[in-house]
Amino acid sequence: MKNANPSENHDLSANNTCCKEKKKDSDYLILNLRCTKIKILKPLVTLKLSLFIWFAAASAVMTFYMVYLKQMGLTIQEIFLMFSVIPVLQTLFTACAAVIADKFGRAKIILICNLLIAGAAVFVLNFVPHVKPPDCRNISANLYCDNENATCTIDLTLCRTNQTEMSLENCELKCLHTTNKCDGQNCHLQEQSGNTNFNKTIYGNISSFKNETVFCGFSANSNSSSEIFPEQCKSNCSLTYLKSNIEECREETKGRLLTVFIYIIIITIFMTTYVNSYRFFDVTSMILVKELDSDYGLVRFWAILGSLVGPLLAGVAIKLAPNSSDGEKYSMTFYLFLVLCILNVIAVWKVDVKNFTSGSKLFKKTILFAKSMDVLFFYLLLLVLGTSWGFRSMYKNWFLAELDTPVYLFSLTYSATSIYGLPFLFKSKWIVGKLGEVNVFVLSFVAYGIGFIAYSYLQTAWFALLIDLTTVVNYQLLWVAVMNYCIKITPDGIVAIVNSTAGSIHFTIGK
């Protein structure tokens, strides 16, 4: 695989020639700040605004998305299964949408539809009830210890295990067997003054509780046995447990399965349109950057600036939400997402995409394009990098939650990722140009390796801010290099197909 040269194998659009003319100051919107001057091409103003709003909305909702699902009662296994199936549907729908966009030249309309559906889906998600947990309770029963009554508490909170614990209190035990060291006499519990409890843990099979009588054998040889039994007398004793109105631990399987199924449908719709929005923002950005001979890194700058604002808005929304019995209302980020999606639809509608014309002979062009070994290796590379990205994005927050990470630090980790990337995006065209797209891909592998090793030793959540420096290479510069590479190698007529395929392989299939 080598760095692409746009003049070697592919013809760029003839529309590019007119756009390479020298631009005048009147073509720019100039922002005079205190220490610097920011110049934005007027045709790109609405695009950068829409990217800013979208990335703010997306990062806001995703900061606490996985935590919210866990709060709603979904198990790790259910979420894992869900996110294993969803990428297949996402890939199919993205491919269909890309073909429609290239065939009819309607990328902007498809983007608007995805934004509206994503906002509606996440709004409906607020009204889905909690997934019911297993109905397990602490149950009291009678325990007979060699004809002496005692009380036994059975903890059945872990219904899926095949063992439970029984704690014996105030139980008088007698050994039924004699030993030579006891001079032929029965071993028995030595009475002690005061109210003394004898605690012992016995492991039994839950399924055996269906029987009327359960025999739990245990050894009296414990660390404290010398205080209770004569030191030389250590024999095995048997306990008889009699069933006494014990209700088995049953889950509300029908109600739970129905609720989980509803979650799967809504989350599938949301995640599919959510991902499609990213793909078609890339398509729209690529078309305008190519048309205006602009710098994709500077366009990306406004997107990352939005992702910097999003988690902060999410944290504020949660803190301002009234308290409830469920703890902090992570669902407030869903309402924020809906509002930002509506604003974004207005901004996208104003984006002026002139030169995205409908294509012809899409299948033939796609087959010829896919036969290139460089293209195949490029997509394979994106798949491996996407797997690393998916692992990190899915389990990072859960890992930080295990370290008792406060809410504001969750927001800071996302914000820090954006802050680190902003200066590099200003000079990304120069950096990627000097390194070459392929070398940036290789450095991304190195950055992921360093990050994963560092997380494996992480014990203090604050150090995650340092580890996230690796995202400068494996996220910020990587995607600039990917888009630049796509611009160089994509023939006319299959812009949406090539670009959306790159995004789907990295962010959907890889995940």
Protein backbone atom coordinates (compact mmCIF):
# COMPACT_ATOMS: atom_id res chain seq x y z
CA MET A 1 0.00 0.00 0.00
CA LYS A 2 1.38 3.41 -0.95
CA ASN A 3 0.35 7.01 -0.54
CA ALA A 4 -2.22 7.83 -3.18
CA ASN A 5 -1.44 10.13 -6.06
CA PRO A 6 -4.67 11.55 -7.48
CA SER A 7 -3.19 11.96 -10.94
CA GLU A 8 -2.17 8.32 -11.40
CA ASN A 9 -5.28 6.16 -11.64
CA HIS A 10 -8.34 8.30 -11.09
CA ASP A 11 -9.80 11.34 -12.80
CA LEU A 12 -10.91 14.05 -10.45
CA SER A 13 -14.01 16.02 -11.24
CA ALA A 14 -13.69 18.70 -13.87
CA ASN A 15 -15.41 21.01 -11.43
CA ASN A 16 -12.18 21.16 -9.41
CA THR A 17 -10.40 23.23 -12.03
CA CYS A 18 -12.62 26.21 -11.53
CA CYS A 19 -12.29 26.00 -7.77
CA LYS A 20 -8.52 26.17 -7.73
CA GLU A 21 -8.60 29.84 -8.72
CA LYS A 22 -7.14 32.23 -6.20
CA LYS A 23 -9.71 33.09 -3.57
CA LYS A 24 -10.40 36.68 -2.54
CA ASP A 25 -11.15 38.07 0.91
CA SER A 26 -14.75 38.55 -0.16
CA ASP A 27 -15.05 34.76 -0.37
CA TYR A 28 -14.36 34.43 3.36
CA LEU A 29 -16.22 35.11 6.55
CA ILE A 30 -13.55 36.77 8.72
CA LEU A 31 -13.69 36.51 12.52
CA ASN A 32 -11.39 39.01 14.21
CA LEU A 33 -10.54 37.66 17.62
CA ARG A 34 -8.29 39.25 20.19
CA CYS A 35 -5.07 37.56 19.17
CA THR A 36 -5.84 36.04 15.82
CA LYS A 37 -7.98 36.19 12.71
CA ILE A 38 -10.10 33.24 11.59
CA LYS A 39 -11.09 33.05 7.92
CA ILE A 40 -13.86 30.67 6.86
CA LEU A 41 -14.95 30.14 3.28
CA LYS A 42 -18.54 31.33 3.08
CA PRO A 43 -19.81 28.15 1.37
CA LEU A 44 -18.37 26.18 4.31
CA VAL A 45 -19.95 28.26 7.10
CA THR A 46 -23.19 26.29 7.29
CA LEU A 47 -21.30 22.99 6.94
CA LYS A 48 -19.00 23.80 9.84
CA LEU A 49 -21.94 25.00 11.92
CA SER A 50 -23.87 21.78 11.29
CA LEU A 51 -20.79 19.68 12.09
CA PHE A 52 -20.31 21.63 15.32
CA ILE A 53 -23.92 21.03 16.39
CA TRP A 54 -23.91 17.35 15.40
CA PHE A 55 -20.69 16.45 17.17
CA ALA A 56 -21.86 18.34 20.27
CA ALA A 57 -25.13 16.39 20.25
CA ALA A 58 -23.49 13.03 19.56
CA SER A 59 -20.78 13.38 22.20
CA ALA A 60 -23.33 14.60 24.74
CA VAL A 61 -25.61 11.59 24.35
CA MET A 62 -22.80 9.03 24.11
CA THR A 63 -20.94 10.23 27.20
CA PHE A 64 -23.49 8.51 29.47
CA TYR A 65 -25.25 6.25 26.96
CA MET A 66 -23.77 2.94 28.10
CA VAL A 67 -24.10 3.94 31.75
CA TYR A 68 -27.78 4.75 31.12
CA LEU A 69 -28.43 1.32 29.59
CA LYS A 70 -26.83 -0.33 32.59
CA GLN A 71 -28.93 1.85 34.91
CA MET A 72 -32.08 0.74 33.10
CA GLY A 73 -31.36 -2.87 34.13
CA LEU A 74 -29.78 -4.31 30.98
CA THR A 75 -27.01 -6.78 31.74
CA ILE A 76 -23.56 -6.72 30.20
CA GLN A 77 -24.38 -9.91 28.28
CA GLU A 78 -27.56 -8.37 26.81
CA ILE A 79 -25.79 -5.18 25.77
CA PHE A 80 -22.91 -7.15 24.27
CA LEU A 81 -25.32 -9.33 22.28
CA MET A 82 -27.24 -6.27 21.15
CA PHE A 83 -24.14 -4.46 19.92
CA SER A 84 -22.94 -7.62 18.20
CA VAL A 85 -26.06 -7.78 16.00
CA ILE A 86 -26.64 -4.06 15.39
CA PRO A 87 -23.47 -3.50 13.27
CA VAL A 88 -24.79 -5.93 10.65
CA LEU A 89 -27.99 -3.91 10.24
CA GLN A 90 -26.08 -0.65 10.35
CA THR A 91 -23.80 -1.78 7.53
CA LEU A 92 -26.71 -2.90 5.35
CA PHE A 93 -28.71 0.29 5.85
CA THR A 94 -25.65 2.49 5.32
CA ALA A 95 -24.83 0.67 2.09
CA CYS A 96 -28.40 1.07 0.82
CA ALA A 97 -28.43 4.75 1.73
CA ALA A 98 -25.08 5.30 -0.01
CA VAL A 99 -26.33 3.67 -3.22
CA ILE A 100 -29.45 5.84 -3.16
CA ALA A 101 -27.34 8.95 -2.55
CA ASP A 102 -25.03 8.21 -5.47
CA LYS A 103 -27.86 7.13 -7.75
CA PHE A 104 -30.11 10.15 -7.21
CA GLY A 105 -27.68 12.74 -5.84
CA ARG A 106 -29.65 13.23 -2.63
CA ALA A 107 -27.03 12.93 0.12
CA LYS A 108 -28.30 15.98 1.99
CA ILE A 109 -31.90 14.72 2.10
CA ILE A 110 -30.75 11.34 3.42
CA LEU A 111 -28.69 13.10 6.10
CA ILE A 112 -31.68 15.16 7.24
CA CYS A 113 -33.90 12.06 7.45
CA ASN A 114 -31.32 10.25 9.58
CA LEU A 115 -31.02 13.21 11.95
CA LEU A 116 -34.78 13.38 12.46
CA ILE A 117 -35.17 9.63 13.03
CA ALA A 118 -32.22 9.51 15.46
CA GLY A 119 -33.69 12.35 17.51
CA ALA A 120 -37.13 10.73 17.58
CA ALA A 121 -35.75 7.31 18.57
CA VAL A 122 -33.72 8.64 21.47
CA PHE A 123 -36.76 10.64 22.64
CA VAL A 124 -38.94 7.51 22.67
CA LEU A 125 -36.22 5.65 24.60
CA ASN A 126 -37.00 7.84 27.61
CA PHE A 127 -40.44 6.27 27.94
CA VAL A 128 -39.37 2.62 27.91
CA PRO A 129 -39.67 1.18 31.45
CA HIS A 130 -36.85 -0.33 33.44
CA VAL A 131 -35.91 -3.92 32.75
CA LYS A 132 -37.18 -5.89 35.74
CA PRO A 133 -34.43 -7.50 37.83
CA PRO A 134 -34.78 -11.08 39.08
CA ASP A 135 -37.28 -11.39 41.95
CA CYS A 136 -34.96 -12.67 44.69
CA ARG A 137 -35.39 -12.22 48.42
CA ASN A 138 -33.74 -13.27 51.66
CA ILE A 139 -35.76 -16.18 52.98
CA SER A 140 -35.85 -17.51 56.54
CA ALA A 141 -36.28 -21.22 57.19
CA ASN A 142 -35.92 -23.75 59.97
CA LEU A 143 -32.70 -25.67 60.40
CA TYR A 144 -32.37 -28.74 62.60
CA CYS A 145 -28.93 -29.42 63.98
CA ASP A 146 -28.93 -32.80 65.62
CA ASN A 147 -32.42 -32.34 67.05
CA GLU A 148 -31.73 -28.75 68.16
CA ASN A 149 -33.67 -25.90 66.57
CA ALA A 150 -31.79 -23.01 64.95
CA THR A 151 -32.43 -20.23 62.46
CA CYS A 152 -30.94 -20.22 58.99
CA THR A 153 -30.91 -17.25 56.58
CA ILE A 154 -30.66 -18.19 52.92
CA ASP A 155 -29.36 -15.58 50.49
CA LEU A 156 -30.72 -16.24 46.99
CA THR A 157 -29.79 -12.91 45.42
CA LEU A 158 -27.53 -14.64 42.89
CA CYS A 159 -30.15 -16.73 41.18
CA ARG A 160 -28.03 -17.76 38.23
CA THR A 161 -25.36 -19.45 40.33
CA ASN A 162 -25.68 -23.04 41.44
CA GLN A 163 -24.60 -22.29 44.99
CA THR A 164 -25.90 -20.19 47.81
CA GLU A 165 -24.81 -19.46 51.38
CA MET A 166 -26.46 -20.49 54.63
CA SER A 167 -25.33 -18.80 57.80
CA LEU A 168 -25.89 -20.79 61.01
CA GLU A 169 -26.44 -18.87 64.23
CA ASN A 170 -26.97 -20.09 67.80
CA CYS A 171 -26.71 -23.67 66.62
CA GLU A 172 -25.64 -26.46 68.95
CA LEU A 173 -23.66 -29.09 67.05
CA LYS A 174 -22.86 -32.61 68.20
CA CYS A 175 -20.51 -35.06 66.56
CA LEU A 176 -22.22 -38.35 65.93
CA HIS A 177 -19.01 -40.32 65.50
CA THR A 178 -16.40 -41.29 68.06
CA THR A 179 -12.66 -41.08 67.71
CA ASN A 180 -9.79 -42.71 69.55
CA LYS A 181 -8.51 -39.34 70.71
CA CYS A 182 -11.79 -38.67 72.48
CA ASP A 183 -11.57 -41.82 74.59
CA GLY A 184 -14.61 -43.32 72.90
CA GLN A 185 -16.87 -40.47 73.95
CA ASN A 186 -19.06 -38.35 71.69
CA CYS A 187 -17.65 -34.97 70.78
CA HIS A 188 -19.96 -32.13 71.62
CA LEU A 189 -20.02 -28.38 71.63
CA GLN A 190 -18.62 -26.92 74.81
CA GLU A 191 -21.07 -24.54 76.44
CA GLN A 192 -19.67 -21.07 77.00
CA SER A 193 -20.92 -18.26 79.14
CA GLY A 194 -22.77 -15.41 77.45
CA ASN A 195 -24.69 -15.31 74.18
CA THR A 196 -22.29 -17.02 71.79
CA ASN A 197 -23.03 -17.49 68.10
CA PHE A 198 -21.57 -20.29 66.08
CA ASN A 199 -21.26 -19.10 62.47
CA LYS A 200 -20.61 -21.55 59.69
CA THR A 201 -20.94 -21.25 55.92
CA ILE A 202 -22.36 -24.19 54.02
CA TYR A 203 -22.53 -24.46 50.23
CA GLY A 204 -25.48 -26.31 48.77
CA ASN A 205 -27.05 -26.75 45.36
CA ILE A 206 -30.08 -24.51 44.83
CA SER A 207 -31.87 -27.14 42.79
CA SER A 208 -31.72 -29.49 45.77
CA PHE A 209 -34.06 -27.20 47.72
CA LYS A 210 -36.89 -28.86 45.84
CA ASN A 211 -36.39 -31.87 48.09
CA GLU A 212 -37.98 -32.04 51.49
CA THR A 213 -34.67 -32.74 53.20
CA VAL A 214 -31.21 -31.59 52.31
CA PHE A 215 -28.06 -32.97 53.93
CA CYS A 216 -25.15 -30.53 54.03
CA GLY A 217 -21.96 -32.14 55.25
CA PHE A 218 -19.19 -29.93 56.53
CA SER A 219 -16.01 -30.20 58.53
CA ALA A 220 -15.71 -28.61 61.93
CA ASN A 221 -12.03 -28.01 61.28
CA SER A 222 -12.00 -24.22 61.07
CA ASN A 223 -9.63 -21.58 62.38
CA SER A 224 -11.82 -21.07 65.41
CA SER A 225 -12.63 -24.72 66.03
CA SER A 226 -10.15 -24.99 68.88
CA GLU A 227 -12.24 -22.48 70.84
CA ILE A 228 -15.39 -24.53 70.35
CA PHE A 229 -14.34 -28.15 70.14
CA PRO A 230 -11.64 -29.99 72.07
CA GLU A 231 -8.43 -29.63 70.09
CA GLN A 232 -7.96 -33.37 69.60
CA CYS A 233 -11.57 -33.99 68.65
CA LYS A 234 -12.08 -32.89 65.04
CA SER A 235 -14.66 -35.06 63.34
CA ASN A 236 -17.08 -34.48 60.49
CA CYS A 237 -20.58 -33.55 61.52
CA SER A 238 -23.75 -33.73 59.46
CA LEU A 239 -26.59 -31.22 59.39
CA THR A 240 -30.14 -31.87 58.29
CA TYR A 241 -31.95 -28.99 56.61
CA LEU A 242 -35.74 -29.29 56.45
CA LYS A 243 -37.69 -27.34 53.82
CA SER A 244 -40.01 -24.75 55.34
CA ASN A 245 -42.18 -22.74 52.89
CA ILE A 246 -39.29 -21.71 50.65
CA GLU A 247 -40.27 -20.07 47.38
CA GLU A 248 -37.90 -20.70 44.53
CA CYS A 249 -36.21 -17.70 42.95
CA ARG A 250 -37.94 -17.08 39.64
CA GLU A 251 -37.42 -14.29 37.14
CA GLU A 252 -40.27 -12.53 35.36
CA THR A 253 -39.01 -13.89 32.05
CA LYS A 254 -41.97 -12.84 29.89
CA GLY A 255 -42.05 -9.24 31.07
CA ARG A 256 -38.30 -8.93 30.98
CA LEU A 257 -37.93 -10.38 27.49
CA LEU A 258 -40.61 -8.05 26.14
CA THR A 259 -38.92 -4.99 27.63
CA VAL A 260 -35.49 -6.06 26.37
CA PHE A 261 -36.98 -6.64 22.91
CA ILE A 262 -38.41 -3.11 22.89
CA TYR A 263 -35.00 -1.75 23.88
CA ILE A 264 -33.39 -3.71 21.04
CA ILE A 265 -35.77 -2.28 18.42
CA ILE A 266 -35.42 1.34 19.54
CA ILE A 267 -31.65 1.14 20.07
CA THR A 268 -31.22 -0.49 16.65
CA ILE A 269 -33.14 2.33 14.96
CA PHE A 270 -31.24 4.96 16.92
CA MET A 271 -27.78 3.49 16.40
CA THR A 272 -28.39 2.91 12.68
CA THR A 273 -29.50 6.47 11.98
CA TYR A 274 -26.89 7.82 14.39
CA VAL A 275 -24.11 6.08 12.47
CA ASN A 276 -25.60 7.04 9.09
CA SER A 277 -25.52 10.68 10.15
CA TYR A 278 -21.77 10.45 10.69
CA ARG A 279 -21.29 8.73 7.33
CA PHE A 280 -23.24 11.32 5.37
CA PHE A 281 -21.63 14.22 7.17
CA ASP A 282 -18.35 12.75 5.91
CA VAL A 283 -19.79 12.45 2.40
CA THR A 284 -21.05 16.04 2.42
CA SER A 285 -17.77 17.34 3.84
CA MET A 286 -15.76 15.40 1.28
CA ILE A 287 -17.82 16.79 -1.61
CA LEU A 288 -17.45 20.41 -0.51
CA VAL A 289 -13.75 20.09 0.39
CA LYS A 290 -13.08 18.60 -3.03
CA GLU A 291 -15.27 21.17 -4.78
CA LEU A 292 -13.71 24.19 -3.04
CA ASP A 293 -10.16 22.77 -2.84
CA SER A 294 -10.29 23.33 0.91
CA ASP A 295 -8.56 21.72 3.92
CA TYR A 296 -10.48 18.84 5.48
CA GLY A 297 -8.56 19.26 8.73
CA LEU A 298 -9.96 22.78 9.19
CA VAL A 299 -13.47 21.49 8.51
CA ARG A 300 -12.87 18.72 11.03
CA PHE A 301 -11.68 21.32 13.54
CA TRP A 302 -15.22 22.63 14.02
CA ALA A 303 -16.57 19.12 14.44
CA ILE A 304 -14.06 18.34 17.19
CA LEU A 305 -14.78 21.70 18.79
CA GLY A 306 -18.40 20.59 19.01
CA SER A 307 -17.41 17.28 20.57
CA LEU A 308 -15.52 19.32 23.16
CA VAL A 309 -18.66 21.21 24.13
CA GLY A 310 -21.03 18.21 24.09
CA PRO A 311 -19.90 16.33 27.22
CA LEU A 312 -19.86 19.56 29.20
CA LEU A 313 -23.45 20.26 28.14
CA ALA A 314 -24.38 16.70 29.11
CA GLY A 315 -22.81 17.06 32.55
CA VAL A 316 -24.65 20.35 33.14
CA ALA A 317 -27.96 18.84 31.98
CA ILE A 318 -27.59 15.94 34.41
CA LYS A 319 -26.64 18.17 37.32
CA LEU A 320 -29.59 20.50 36.68
CA ALA A 321 -32.04 17.60 36.47
CA PRO A 322 -34.21 16.95 39.55
CA ASN A 323 -33.16 13.96 41.63
CA SER A 324 -35.17 10.77 41.36
CA SER A 325 -35.19 7.33 42.93
CA ASP A 326 -33.06 6.11 40.06
CA GLY A 327 -30.18 8.40 40.90
CA GLU A 328 -28.86 10.90 38.43
CA LYS A 329 -31.00 11.38 35.36
CA TYR A 330 -28.76 10.36 32.51
CA SER A 331 -31.85 10.49 30.32
CA MET A 332 -31.61 14.30 30.34
CA THR A 333 -28.88 13.95 27.73
CA PHE A 334 -31.50 12.41 25.41
CA TYR A 335 -33.66 15.54 25.54
CA LEU A 336 -30.57 17.63 24.87
CA PHE A 337 -29.76 15.42 21.88
CA LEU A 338 -33.28 15.86 20.44
CA VAL A 339 -33.11 19.66 20.64
CA LEU A 340 -29.68 19.77 18.98
CA CYS A 341 -30.86 17.42 16.21
CA ILE A 342 -33.72 19.77 15.36
CA LEU A 343 -31.34 22.73 15.22
CA ASN A 344 -28.96 20.70 13.09
CA VAL A 345 -31.64 19.88 10.51
CA ILE A 346 -32.09 23.61 9.94
CA ALA A 347 -28.33 24.11 9.53
CA VAL A 348 -27.94 21.15 7.15
CA TRP A 349 -30.81 22.40 5.01
CA LYS A 350 -28.80 25.57 4.38
CA VAL A 351 -25.67 23.69 3.26
CA ASP A 352 -25.15 24.38 -0.45
CA VAL A 353 -23.97 21.21 -2.21
CA LYS A 354 -23.80 22.09 -5.90
CA ASN A 355 -21.68 19.45 -7.59
CA PHE A 356 -22.99 16.19 -6.14
CA THR A 357 -24.60 14.82 -9.26
CA SER A 358 -26.31 11.48 -9.66
CA GLY A 359 -24.12 8.62 -10.86
CA SER A 360 -24.51 5.90 -13.45
CA LYS A 361 -23.20 2.35 -13.79
CA LEU A 362 -22.60 2.23 -10.03
CA PHE A 363 -22.09 -1.53 -9.87
CA LYS A 364 -19.48 -1.56 -12.64
CA LYS A 365 -17.57 1.38 -11.16
CA THR A 366 -17.64 -0.16 -7.69
CA ILE A 367 -16.31 -3.53 -8.92
CA LEU A 368 -13.47 -1.89 -10.84
CA PHE A 369 -12.61 0.23 -7.82
CA ALA A 370 -12.64 -2.74 -5.43
CA LYS A 371 -10.23 -4.76 -7.59
CA SER A 372 -7.33 -2.53 -6.59
CA MET A 373 -5.06 -4.23 -4.02
CA ASP A 374 -4.32 -0.85 -2.43
CA VAL A 375 -8.03 -0.30 -1.87
CA LEU A 376 -8.53 -3.77 -0.37
CA PHE A 377 -5.56 -3.35 1.95
CA PHE A 378 -6.81 0.11 2.91
CA TYR A 379 -10.18 -1.30 3.98
CA LEU A 380 -8.54 -4.20 5.84
CA LEU A 381 -6.39 -1.74 7.75
CA LEU A 382 -9.48 0.29 8.68
CA LEU A 383 -11.14 -2.89 9.97
CA VAL A 384 -8.29 -3.68 12.37
CA LEU A 385 -8.06 -0.08 13.57
CA GLY A 386 -11.83 -0.02 13.97
CA THR A 387 -11.74 -3.09 16.20
CA SER A 388 -9.35 -1.29 18.53
CA TRP A 389 -11.50 1.83 18.50
CA GLY A 390 -14.66 -0.16 19.23
CA PHE A 391 -13.15 -2.00 22.19
CA ARG A 392 -11.95 1.26 23.69
CA SER A 393 -15.17 3.20 23.15
CA MET A 394 -17.45 0.46 24.53
CA TYR A 395 -15.60 -0.53 27.70
CA LYS A 396 -13.65 2.57 28.69
CA ASN A 397 -16.52 4.12 30.68
CA TRP A 398 -17.36 0.87 32.44
CA PHE A 399 -13.74 0.46 33.41
CA LEU A 400 -13.61 4.02 34.74
CA ALA A 401 -16.87 3.44 36.62
CA GLU A 402 -15.21 0.52 38.43
CA LEU A 403 -12.62 3.04 39.64
CA ASP A 404 -15.41 5.18 41.18
CA THR A 405 -14.85 7.94 38.64
CA PRO A 406 -16.95 11.06 39.39
CA VAL A 407 -19.38 12.41 36.77
CA TYR A 408 -17.30 15.48 35.94
CA LEU A 409 -14.25 13.32 35.21
CA PHE A 410 -16.25 11.33 32.65
CA SER A 411 -16.90 14.61 30.87
CA LEU A 412 -13.28 15.69 31.19
CA THR A 413 -11.94 12.53 29.55
CA TYR A 414 -14.05 13.18 26.46
CA SER A 415 -13.28 16.88 26.46
CA ALA A 416 -9.55 16.27 26.85
CA THR A 417 -9.58 14.09 23.75
CA SER A 418 -10.96 17.00 21.76
CA ILE A 419 -8.65 19.58 23.32
CA TYR A 420 -5.59 17.52 22.47
CA GLY A 421 -6.63 17.27 18.84
CA LEU A 422 -7.54 20.90 18.08
CA PRO A 423 -3.99 22.29 17.61
CA PHE A 424 -3.04 19.35 15.40
CA LEU A 425 -6.12 19.79 13.21
CA PHE A 426 -5.03 23.35 12.41
CA LYS A 427 -1.84 21.94 10.93
CA SER A 428 -3.18 18.53 9.91
CA LYS A 429 -2.80 19.23 6.19
CA TRP A 430 0.91 19.93 6.68
CA ILE A 431 1.43 17.05 9.16
CA VAL A 432 -0.33 14.43 7.06
CA GLY A 433 1.32 15.79 3.94
CA LYS A 434 4.78 15.40 5.48
CA LEU A 435 4.15 11.97 7.00
CA GLY A 436 1.97 10.55 4.26
CA GLU A 437 -1.41 8.91 4.83
CA VAL A 438 0.01 5.38 5.08
CA ASN A 439 2.52 6.36 7.77
CA VAL A 440 -0.29 7.94 9.79
CA PHE A 441 -2.13 4.60 9.60
CA VAL A 442 0.92 2.77 10.96
CA LEU A 443 1.40 5.28 13.78
CA SER A 444 -2.24 4.74 14.76
CA PHE A 445 -1.50 1.07 15.49
CA VAL A 446 1.39 2.11 17.72
CA ALA A 447 -0.80 4.63 19.56
CA TYR A 448 -3.48 2.02 20.28
CA GLY A 449 -0.89 -0.39 21.64
CA ILE A 450 0.51 2.23 24.01
CA GLY A 451 -2.98 3.21 25.17
CA PHE A 452 -4.17 -0.32 25.92
CA ILE A 453 -1.03 -1.20 27.86
CA ALA A 454 -1.37 2.00 29.90
CA TYR A 455 -5.04 1.29 30.72
CA SER A 456 -4.16 -2.22 31.91
CA TYR A 457 -2.05 -0.65 34.69
CA LEU A 458 -4.47 2.19 35.47
CA GLN A 459 -5.57 2.40 39.11
CA THR A 460 -6.29 6.13 39.42
CA ALA A 461 -8.89 7.53 37.02
CA TRP A 462 -7.13 10.87 36.65
CA PHE A 463 -4.28 9.27 34.71
CA ALA A 464 -6.76 8.44 31.94
CA LEU A 465 -6.36 12.07 30.86
CA LEU A 466 -2.73 11.37 30.01
CA ILE A 467 -3.48 8.08 28.27
CA ASP A 468 -5.97 9.83 25.99
CA LEU A 469 -3.13 11.78 24.40
CA THR A 470 -2.83 8.80 22.06
CA THR A 471 -6.12 9.82 20.41
CA VAL A 472 -4.31 12.67 18.67
CA VAL A 473 -2.84 10.07 16.34
CA ASN A 474 -5.35 7.20 16.30
CA TYR A 475 -8.44 9.39 15.99
CA GLN A 476 -7.79 13.02 15.02
CA LEU A 477 -4.97 12.68 12.50
CA LEU A 478 -6.11 9.21 11.45
CA TRP A 479 -9.48 10.34 10.15
CA VAL A 480 -8.00 13.34 8.35
CA ALA A 481 -5.63 10.92 6.62
CA VAL A 482 -8.51 8.56 5.78
CA MET A 483 -10.60 11.34 4.23
CA ASN A 484 -7.63 12.70 2.29
CA TYR A 485 -6.91 9.21 0.99
CA CYS A 486 -10.56 8.76 -0.03
CA ILE A 487 -10.55 12.10 -1.86
CA LYS A 488 -7.52 11.01 -3.85
CA ILE A 489 -8.65 7.52 -4.82
CA THR A 490 -12.41 7.93 -5.33
CA PRO A 491 -13.71 8.02 -8.92
CA ASP A 492 -16.68 10.22 -9.80
CA GLY A 493 -20.11 8.72 -9.29
CA ILE A 494 -19.41 6.53 -6.24
CA VAL A 495 -18.38 9.18 -3.70
CA ALA A 496 -21.00 8.17 -1.12
CA ILE A 497 -20.32 4.45 -1.58
CA VAL A 498 -16.55 4.71 -1.10
CA ASN A 499 -16.71 7.16 1.78
CA SER A 500 -19.52 5.46 3.69
CA THR A 501 -17.82 2.09 3.24
CA ALA A 502 -14.65 3.43 4.85
CA GLY A 503 -16.62 4.80 7.79
CA SER A 504 -18.72 1.65 8.16
CA ILE A 505 -15.71 -0.66 8.18
CA HIS A 506 -13.88 1.39 10.80
CA PHE A 507 -16.68 2.60 13.08
CA THR A 508 -19.37 -0.08 12.59
CA ILE A 509 -18.00 -3.45 11.52
CA GLY A 510 -14.80 -2.99 13.52
CA LYS A 511 -16.79 -2.08 16.60
